Amino acid sequence: MDKTLPTEARGNPSIYRRIRRRARRVLSRPQQLTGWRQIATVFTICIAGLALVLIGETVAFPGVTLGGYALLAVLVGTWTLPTIWATAVVVTAMTVILGAVVYGSVDRVTGGFQLTATLIVAVVGRLAVIALQRSERRRSELHQRLLNIERQRADEAATRLAEKERLTTELSEALRSLGERADQLRRANGRLVEFTADAAHELRAPLAIMRTVADRALNRPRSAGEYKESLTTVQREVIHLSGVAETLLMLARADEGQLIAQTELLDVADSLADLAARWQAVIESRGLTLELDLPDEGMVQGDPTLFARLFDNLLDNACRYTQPGGLIVLAASCAASRWHFSVSNTGLRIPPDLRDNIFERFTRGDQSRSRATGGAGLGLALCQTIARLHGGAVRLDEPAAGVTRFTVDLPRG
């Protein structure tokens, strides 16, 4: 009997592997259902779950809040179903909640919180789906483009080999070119896979927090103060998600050449002084000191909004990585035909192994920091993008021990 067990159980691992592959595909590629049967099945499951929630709250378990399961049905529908079907699931969930309130099994405060949580989950889920679909589409397009280049190179090499007598030279050339292109493809694909994984992680963490807060708030009736605290936590995560999505969209527009700087002549001293005034309260609240070293006059050609965003990110980065009692210096100088702006701060040095990658997306200067104190790792990447859009660049300097300085070089206006 012991000899027959492995044979009978031999199929189970393959079944589990198929299930795991299917689950990973659904999580990494939302709204991939194409067949009407699959869509109808998932939709029916979501509606049936919502019906069970309504029956449980009104008949089976009066007084027990089952809103968390309704949120789960909304999340599943938003993530897997097309927009129209997902909207139907959301509307059904809201109808179930209203029905429970009207029936009297759920009080109005809890019902209002459930409606708000349902809308937030639906909107945030949809934003996450859009972001992941756009990232996956760009990865597929680049992958296909590079594959087409490889096919074209291979066809050209085959034609040259058939037409010319210098077979060895042409073949060597084609193979070398093919190898270089293959390396480029592997590196580009690796960067895109890593970027997609980082973006999914950055979006998944706030969603997990919001779901935990919602489940905890809905598992039993709570006071208005507790509900307010839960909503505040959800609002904070939504704001963080909005900031990440806005930065990702701006970087995507820059990659596609759609981010255009509306430049005009800006007074350097006035612009940076206004910027410093906005940050003064934040810097003082953290026990830091801000010093300015600005010229009396001078103009630079730049987009006012992007120019402010560039230095907002640099000052925010300096505040995050400067210990209490530290010093931040915002300086500007002009040499020849270029402006040199710098934001310096005292504190720990950036590790040497991160300096070459500090301007890449989702790179943090201190990997041990949490998302709450270390940001999403997109600020410096956006700074570099804005600087290049203005014909300049951002570089990392360490002029002295314990001092980190980011220098922005821009053309003079």
Protein backbone atom coordinates (compact mmCIF):
# COMPACT_ATOMS: atom_id res chain seq x y z
CA MET A 1 0.00 0.00 0.00
CA ASP A 2 2.89 2.35 0.72
CA LYS A 3 4.17 1.76 -2.81
CA THR A 4 0.87 2.83 -4.38
CA LEU A 5 0.50 6.12 -2.47
CA PRO A 6 3.18 8.04 -4.39
CA THR A 7 1.64 6.93 -7.70
CA GLU A 8 -1.86 8.04 -6.66
CA ALA A 9 -0.61 11.38 -5.31
CA ARG A 10 1.67 12.01 -8.24
CA GLY A 11 -0.97 14.14 -10.00
CA ASN A 12 -1.65 16.39 -7.03
CA PRO A 13 1.54 18.51 -7.30
CA SER A 14 0.80 19.29 -10.96
CA ILE A 15 -2.74 20.35 -10.04
CA TYR A 16 -1.41 22.60 -7.27
CA ARG A 17 1.17 24.06 -9.65
CA ARG A 18 -1.53 24.85 -12.21
CA ILE A 19 -3.62 26.51 -9.52
CA ARG A 20 -0.64 28.57 -8.30
CA ARG A 21 0.24 29.61 -11.87
CA ARG A 22 -3.36 30.59 -12.51
CA ALA A 23 -3.51 32.60 -9.26
CA ARG A 24 -0.24 34.41 -10.04
CA ARG A 25 -1.51 35.22 -13.52
CA VAL A 26 -4.78 36.65 -12.18
CA LEU A 27 -2.93 38.78 -9.59
CA SER A 28 -0.28 40.10 -11.99
CA ARG A 29 -2.60 40.54 -15.00
CA PRO A 30 -5.96 41.92 -13.89
CA GLN A 31 -9.07 41.78 -16.12
CA GLN A 32 -7.63 39.04 -18.36
CA LEU A 33 -10.88 37.07 -18.58
CA THR A 34 -11.95 36.94 -22.24
CA GLY A 35 -14.52 34.13 -22.49
CA TRP A 36 -18.15 34.79 -21.68
CA ARG A 37 -18.27 31.60 -19.63
CA GLN A 38 -15.36 32.71 -17.41
CA ILE A 39 -16.77 36.21 -16.98
CA ALA A 40 -20.25 34.87 -16.20
CA THR A 41 -18.83 32.38 -13.69
CA VAL A 42 -16.85 34.99 -11.74
CA PHE A 43 -19.77 37.44 -11.92
CA THR A 44 -22.17 34.78 -10.63
CA ILE A 45 -19.82 33.93 -7.75
CA CYS A 46 -19.58 37.62 -6.76
CA ILE A 47 -23.37 38.11 -6.93
CA ALA A 48 -23.97 34.87 -5.02
CA GLY A 49 -21.52 35.99 -2.34
CA LEU A 50 -23.33 39.32 -2.01
CA ALA A 51 -26.67 37.51 -1.80
CA LEU A 52 -25.31 35.33 1.00
CA VAL A 53 -24.11 38.47 2.80
CA LEU A 54 -27.62 39.96 2.58
CA ILE A 55 -29.24 36.72 3.76
CA GLY A 56 -26.73 36.36 6.57
CA GLU A 57 -27.21 39.91 7.86
CA THR A 58 -31.02 39.95 7.58
CA VAL A 59 -32.09 36.34 8.26
CA ALA A 60 -29.36 33.96 9.41
CA PHE A 61 -27.28 36.20 11.68
CA PRO A 62 -29.24 39.40 12.49
CA GLY A 63 -27.06 42.05 14.07
CA VAL A 64 -23.80 40.58 12.71
CA THR A 65 -21.96 42.77 10.21
CA LEU A 66 -20.70 40.84 7.16
CA GLY A 67 -19.59 43.87 5.17
CA GLY A 68 -16.02 42.57 4.91
CA TYR A 69 -17.23 39.76 2.62
CA ALA A 70 -19.06 42.32 0.48
CA LEU A 71 -15.79 44.26 0.15
CA LEU A 72 -14.04 41.04 -0.85
CA ALA A 73 -16.63 40.44 -3.59
CA VAL A 74 -16.18 44.03 -4.83
CA LEU A 75 -12.38 43.61 -4.84
CA VAL A 76 -12.59 40.32 -6.77
CA GLY A 77 -15.04 41.78 -9.28
CA THR A 78 -13.03 44.97 -9.81
CA TRP A 79 -9.79 43.04 -10.26
CA THR A 80 -11.00 40.25 -12.58
CA LEU A 81 -14.08 41.45 -14.48
CA PRO A 82 -14.42 43.97 -17.33
CA THR A 83 -15.51 47.45 -16.34
CA ILE A 84 -19.24 47.01 -17.03
CA TRP A 85 -19.46 43.75 -15.11
CA ALA A 86 -17.33 45.13 -12.26
CA THR A 87 -19.63 48.17 -12.06
CA ALA A 88 -22.62 45.83 -11.77
CA VAL A 89 -20.93 44.04 -8.85
CA VAL A 90 -20.24 47.38 -7.11
CA VAL A 91 -23.84 48.55 -7.60
CA THR A 92 -25.13 45.21 -6.30
CA ALA A 93 -22.88 45.46 -3.23
CA MET A 94 -24.17 48.97 -2.48
CA THR A 95 -27.75 47.73 -2.95
CA VAL A 96 -27.10 44.89 -0.49
CA ILE A 97 -25.73 47.34 2.08
CA LEU A 98 -28.71 49.69 1.62
CA GLY A 99 -31.06 46.71 1.90
CA ALA A 100 -29.46 45.67 5.18
CA VAL A 101 -29.83 49.24 6.50
CA VAL A 102 -33.47 49.47 5.41
CA TYR A 103 -34.22 46.06 6.92
CA GLY A 104 -32.68 47.28 10.17
CA SER A 105 -30.04 44.61 10.59
CA VAL A 106 -27.26 47.20 10.13
CA ASP A 107 -27.35 50.67 11.69
CA ARG A 108 -26.99 53.75 9.52
CA VAL A 109 -23.49 54.65 10.71
CA THR A 110 -22.15 51.19 9.90
CA GLY A 111 -24.04 51.20 6.62
CA GLY A 112 -22.57 54.58 5.68
CA PHE A 113 -19.09 53.35 6.51
CA GLN A 114 -19.67 50.20 4.43
CA LEU A 115 -20.83 52.29 1.45
CA THR A 116 -17.78 54.55 1.75
CA ALA A 117 -15.42 51.59 2.06
CA THR A 118 -17.06 49.93 -0.97
CA LEU A 119 -16.55 53.03 -3.13
CA ILE A 120 -12.94 53.42 -1.95
CA VAL A 121 -12.11 49.77 -2.65
CA ALA A 122 -13.74 49.99 -6.10
CA VAL A 123 -11.92 53.21 -7.06
CA VAL A 124 -8.53 52.14 -5.66
CA GLY A 125 -8.87 48.70 -7.24
CA ARG A 126 -9.64 50.28 -10.58
CA LEU A 127 -6.62 52.63 -10.30
CA ALA A 128 -4.39 49.65 -9.49
CA VAL A 129 -5.77 47.74 -12.48
CA ILE A 130 -5.12 50.70 -14.81
CA ALA A 131 -1.56 51.16 -13.53
CA LEU A 132 -0.67 47.46 -13.86
CA GLN A 133 -2.32 47.15 -17.29
CA ARG A 134 -0.40 50.17 -18.57
CA SER A 135 2.88 48.80 -17.23
CA GLU A 136 2.21 45.36 -18.72
CA ARG A 137 1.23 46.91 -22.07
CA ARG A 138 4.46 48.91 -22.21
CA ARG A 139 6.50 45.83 -21.34
CA SER A 140 4.78 43.78 -24.06
CA GLU A 141 5.21 46.53 -26.65
CA LEU A 142 8.91 46.91 -25.91
CA HIS A 143 9.39 43.14 -25.88
CA GLN A 144 7.68 42.83 -29.28
CA ARG A 145 9.63 45.76 -30.70
CA LEU A 146 12.95 44.25 -29.66
CA LEU A 147 11.90 40.86 -31.03
CA ASN A 148 11.05 42.47 -34.37
CA ILE A 149 14.49 44.10 -34.42
CA GLU A 150 16.06 40.72 -33.78
CA ARG A 151 14.09 39.11 -36.61
CA GLN A 152 15.03 41.92 -38.97
CA ARG A 153 18.70 41.59 -38.07
CA ALA A 154 18.60 37.84 -38.57
CA ASP A 155 16.88 38.22 -41.99
CA GLU A 156 19.42 40.79 -43.12
CA ALA A 157 22.29 38.57 -42.00
CA ALA A 158 20.83 35.59 -43.90
CA THR A 159 20.44 37.68 -47.06
CA ARG A 160 23.98 39.00 -46.87
CA LEU A 161 25.34 35.49 -46.32
CA ALA A 162 23.50 34.28 -49.44
CA GLU A 163 24.58 37.21 -51.65
CA LYS A 164 28.17 37.89 -50.62
CA GLU A 165 31.30 35.76 -50.73
CA ARG A 166 32.74 36.98 -47.45
CA LEU A 167 30.75 34.45 -45.48
CA THR A 168 32.92 34.38 -42.37
CA THR A 169 33.08 38.17 -41.94
CA GLU A 170 29.37 38.71 -42.48
CA LEU A 171 28.38 35.82 -40.25
CA SER A 172 30.63 37.05 -37.44
CA GLU A 173 29.16 40.54 -37.74
CA ALA A 174 25.60 39.27 -37.64
CA LEU A 175 26.24 37.00 -34.66
CA ARG A 176 27.90 39.79 -32.70
CA SER A 177 25.02 42.14 -33.45
CA LEU A 178 22.53 39.44 -32.53
CA GLY A 179 24.28 38.83 -29.22
CA GLU A 180 24.28 42.53 -28.37
CA ARG A 181 20.60 42.84 -29.19
CA ALA A 182 19.79 39.75 -27.15
CA ASP A 183 21.68 41.20 -24.18
CA GLN A 184 19.76 44.46 -24.57
CA LEU A 185 16.51 42.51 -24.70
CA ARG A 186 17.35 40.58 -21.55
CA ARG A 187 18.40 43.72 -19.67
CA ALA A 188 15.37 45.70 -20.83
CA ASN A 189 13.02 42.85 -20.00
CA GLY A 190 14.65 42.44 -16.59
CA ARG A 191 14.26 46.15 -15.82
CA LEU A 192 10.62 46.11 -16.87
CA VAL A 193 9.85 42.98 -14.84
CA GLU A 194 11.55 44.52 -11.79
CA PHE A 195 9.71 47.82 -12.33
CA THR A 196 6.36 46.01 -12.62
CA ALA A 197 7.05 44.02 -9.45
CA ASP A 198 8.09 47.16 -7.52
CA ALA A 199 5.03 49.07 -8.74
CA ALA A 200 2.74 46.19 -7.79
CA HIS A 201 4.37 45.98 -4.33
CA GLU A 202 4.05 49.74 -3.79
CA LEU A 203 0.36 49.61 -4.76
CA ARG A 204 -0.39 46.36 -2.91
CA ALA A 205 0.89 47.55 0.49
CA PRO A 206 -1.64 50.43 0.88
CA LEU A 207 -4.43 48.18 -0.37
CA ALA A 208 -3.55 45.57 2.24
CA ILE A 209 -3.52 48.24 4.95
CA MET A 210 -6.92 49.57 3.87
CA ARG A 211 -8.43 46.11 3.77
CA THR A 212 -7.07 45.29 7.24
CA VAL A 213 -8.43 48.55 8.65
CA ALA A 214 -11.79 47.98 6.96
CA ASP A 215 -12.06 44.39 8.17
CA ARG A 216 -11.15 45.40 11.71
CA ALA A 217 -13.68 48.24 11.68
CA LEU A 218 -16.44 46.05 10.28
CA ASN A 219 -16.01 42.97 12.45
CA ARG A 220 -18.19 44.56 15.14
CA PRO A 221 -20.03 47.85 15.74
CA ARG A 222 -17.70 50.64 16.84
CA SER A 223 -17.94 54.20 18.07
CA ALA A 224 -17.94 57.21 15.75
CA GLY A 225 -14.43 58.08 16.92
CA GLU A 226 -13.13 54.63 15.99
CA TYR A 227 -14.80 54.85 12.57
CA LYS A 228 -13.22 58.28 12.07
CA GLU A 229 -9.81 56.89 12.95
CA SER A 230 -10.27 54.05 10.44
CA LEU A 231 -11.38 56.44 7.70
CA THR A 232 -8.38 58.68 8.45
CA THR A 233 -6.05 55.72 7.95
CA VAL A 234 -7.79 54.79 4.69
CA GLN A 235 -7.63 58.42 3.51
CA ARG A 236 -3.88 58.57 4.26
CA GLU A 237 -3.26 55.45 2.17
CA VAL A 238 -5.44 56.78 -0.66
CA ILE A 239 -3.41 60.00 -0.68
CA HIS A 240 -0.19 57.96 -0.82
CA LEU A 241 -1.59 55.88 -3.69
CA SER A 242 -2.64 59.03 -5.53
CA GLY A 243 0.87 60.48 -5.18
CA VAL A 244 2.50 57.27 -6.46
CA ALA A 245 0.04 57.06 -9.36
CA GLU A 246 0.60 60.74 -10.27
CA THR A 247 4.38 60.30 -10.26
CA LEU A 248 4.20 57.08 -12.28
CA LEU A 249 1.93 58.73 -14.84
CA MET A 250 4.29 61.72 -15.10
CA LEU A 251 7.28 59.39 -15.62
CA ALA A 252 5.30 57.39 -18.18
CA ARG A 253 4.42 60.58 -20.08
CA ALA A 254 8.08 61.56 -20.04
CA ASP A 255 9.08 58.13 -21.38
CA GLU A 256 6.58 58.53 -24.22
CA GLY A 257 7.70 62.09 -24.99
CA GLN A 258 4.35 63.56 -23.95
CA LEU A 259 5.64 65.58 -20.97
CA ILE A 260 6.41 69.04 -22.39
CA ALA A 261 7.90 71.88 -20.36
CA GLN A 262 6.03 75.19 -20.72
CA THR A 263 9.09 77.32 -20.13
CA GLU A 264 9.35 80.99 -19.25
CA LEU A 265 11.95 83.24 -17.67
CA LEU A 266 12.07 82.68 -13.89
CA ASP A 267 13.81 84.86 -11.34
CA VAL A 268 16.17 82.46 -9.56
CA ALA A 269 16.37 84.27 -6.22
CA ASP A 270 12.61 84.90 -5.97
CA SER A 271 11.62 81.39 -7.05
CA LEU A 272 13.96 79.62 -4.62
CA ALA A 273 13.20 82.04 -1.77
CA ASP A 274 9.46 81.36 -2.17
CA LEU A 275 10.19 77.65 -2.25
CA ALA A 276 12.27 77.86 0.94
CA ALA A 277 9.52 79.83 2.68
CA ARG A 278 7.03 77.05 1.95
CA TRP A 279 9.37 74.45 3.47
CA GLN A 280 10.51 76.50 6.47
CA ALA A 281 7.77 75.28 8.82
CA VAL A 282 8.30 71.62 7.90
CA ILE A 283 12.06 71.88 8.34
CA GLU A 284 11.79 73.62 11.71
CA SER A 285 9.23 71.06 12.94
CA ARG A 286 11.85 68.35 12.39
CA GLY A 287 14.51 70.21 14.33
CA LEU A 288 16.52 71.13 11.22
CA THR A 289 18.05 74.39 9.95
CA LEU A 290 17.71 75.72 6.40
CA GLU A 291 20.29 78.12 4.96
CA LEU A 292 20.08 79.94 1.62
CA ASP A 293 23.01 80.93 -0.59
CA LEU A 294 21.33 82.67 -3.53
CA PRO A 295 22.50 85.32 -6.03
CA ASP A 296 21.05 88.81 -5.96
CA GLU A 297 19.78 88.51 -9.53
CA GLY A 298 19.63 86.11 -12.43
CA MET A 299 17.08 84.42 -14.69
CA VAL A 300 16.64 80.80 -15.76
CA GLN A 301 14.44 79.34 -18.47
CA GLY A 302 12.07 76.81 -16.93
CA ASP A 303 8.55 75.53 -16.40
CA PRO A 304 7.34 77.06 -13.10
CA THR A 305 5.42 73.97 -12.00
CA LEU A 306 8.11 71.44 -12.92
CA PHE A 307 10.88 73.70 -11.56
CA ALA A 308 9.10 73.82 -8.17
CA ARG A 309 8.45 70.06 -8.27
CA LEU A 310 12.15 69.40 -8.89
CA PHE A 311 13.33 71.30 -5.81
CA ASP A 312 10.36 70.17 -3.69
CA ASN A 313 11.53 66.59 -4.22
CA LEU A 314 15.16 67.44 -3.41
CA LEU A 315 14.21 69.30 -0.22
CA ASP A 316 11.85 66.50 0.80
CA ASN A 317 14.66 63.99 0.27
CA ALA A 318 17.03 66.13 2.36
CA CYS A 319 14.47 66.36 5.19
CA ARG A 320 13.96 62.60 5.25
CA TYR A 321 17.66 61.76 5.52
CA THR A 322 18.87 64.51 7.86
CA GLN A 323 19.04 63.79 11.57
CA PRO A 324 17.51 66.28 14.06
CA GLY A 325 19.85 69.21 14.60
CA GLY A 326 21.21 68.86 11.05
CA LEU A 327 21.67 71.50 8.38
CA ILE A 328 20.15 71.84 4.89
CA VAL A 329 21.63 74.34 2.41
CA LEU A 330 19.86 75.52 -0.75
CA ALA A 331 22.32 77.31 -3.06
CA ALA A 332 22.53 78.63 -6.62
CA SER A 333 25.35 80.04 -8.73
CA CYS A 334 25.95 80.83 -12.39
CA ALA A 335 29.10 80.01 -14.33
CA ALA A 336 29.50 80.69 -18.06
CA SER A 337 26.22 79.69 -19.70
CA ARG A 338 24.86 77.35 -17.04
CA TRP A 339 23.20 77.53 -13.63
CA HIS A 340 24.36 75.28 -10.81
CA PHE A 341 21.71 74.66 -8.15
CA SER A 342 22.42 72.47 -5.13
CA VAL A 343 20.63 71.02 -2.11
CA SER A 344 23.05 69.83 0.60
CA ASN A 345 22.32 68.13 3.89
CA THR A 346 24.29 66.70 6.77
CA GLY A 347 23.80 63.11 7.83
CA LEU A 348 24.71 59.59 6.86
CA ARG A 349 26.42 59.04 3.52
CA ILE A 350 24.68 57.19 0.71
CA PRO A 351 26.12 53.65 0.48
CA PRO A 352 28.61 53.28 -2.41
CA ASP A 353 26.69 50.41 -3.97
CA LEU A 354 23.61 52.65 -4.36
CA ARG A 355 25.25 55.72 -5.88
CA ASP A 356 25.16 54.43 -9.46
CA ASN A 357 21.48 53.49 -9.15
CA ILE A 358 20.24 56.35 -6.96
CA PHE A 359 18.28 57.97 -9.83
CA GLU A 360 16.56 54.74 -10.87
CA ARG A 361 12.91 54.25 -10.03
CA PHE A 362 12.00 52.64 -6.69
CA THR A 363 15.55 53.11 -5.36
CA ARG A 364 15.84 54.37 -1.77
CA GLY A 365 18.99 55.85 -0.28
CA ASP A 366 18.50 53.77 2.89
CA GLN A 367 16.98 50.37 2.20
CA SER A 368 16.30 49.82 5.91
CA ARG A 369 13.79 52.66 6.02
CA SER A 370 10.09 51.93 5.84
CA ARG A 371 7.77 53.33 3.19
CA ALA A 372 6.45 55.86 5.71
CA THR A 373 9.86 57.47 6.20
CA GLY A 374 11.63 56.54 2.98
CA GLY A 375 9.02 57.40 0.36
CA ALA A 376 8.29 55.32 -2.73
CA GLY A 377 11.74 55.76 -4.27
CA LEU A 378 10.43 57.81 -7.21
CA GLY A 379 11.43 61.36 -6.19
CA LEU A 380 15.02 61.39 -7.50
CA ALA A 381 13.99 59.60 -10.70
CA LEU A 382 11.42 62.34 -11.31
CA CYS A 383 14.05 65.02 -10.53
CA GLN A 384 16.37 63.58 -13.17
CA THR A 385 13.51 63.42 -15.68
CA ILE A 386 12.55 67.07 -15.08
CA ALA A 387 16.17 68.24 -15.29
CA ARG A 388 16.71 66.44 -18.60
CA LEU A 389 13.46 67.90 -19.90
CA HIS A 390 15.05 71.34 -19.30
CA GLY A 391 18.31 70.36 -21.02
CA GLY A 392 20.17 69.67 -17.80
CA ALA A 393 20.93 66.88 -15.33
CA VAL A 394 21.11 66.05 -11.62
CA ARG A 395 24.24 64.54 -10.09
CA LEU A 396 25.20 63.28 -6.65
CA ASP A 397 28.19 64.88 -4.91
CA GLU A 398 29.75 64.29 -1.50
CA PRO A 399 31.99 67.34 -0.98
CA ALA A 400 32.88 66.44 2.60
CA ALA A 401 32.46 63.68 5.14
CA GLY A 402 28.92 63.57 6.49
CA VAL A 403 27.55 65.89 3.75
CA THR A 404 25.40 64.80 0.80
CA ARG A 405 24.76 67.20 -2.06
CA PHE A 406 22.55 66.93 -5.13
CA THR A 407 23.57 69.42 -7.86
CA VAL A 408 21.25 70.45 -10.70
CA ASP A 409 22.89 71.86 -13.85
CA LEU A 410 20.54 73.84 -16.12
CA PRO A 411 21.11 76.09 -19.13
CA ARG A 412 21.09 79.81 -18.42
CA GLY A 413 17.96 81.68 -19.54
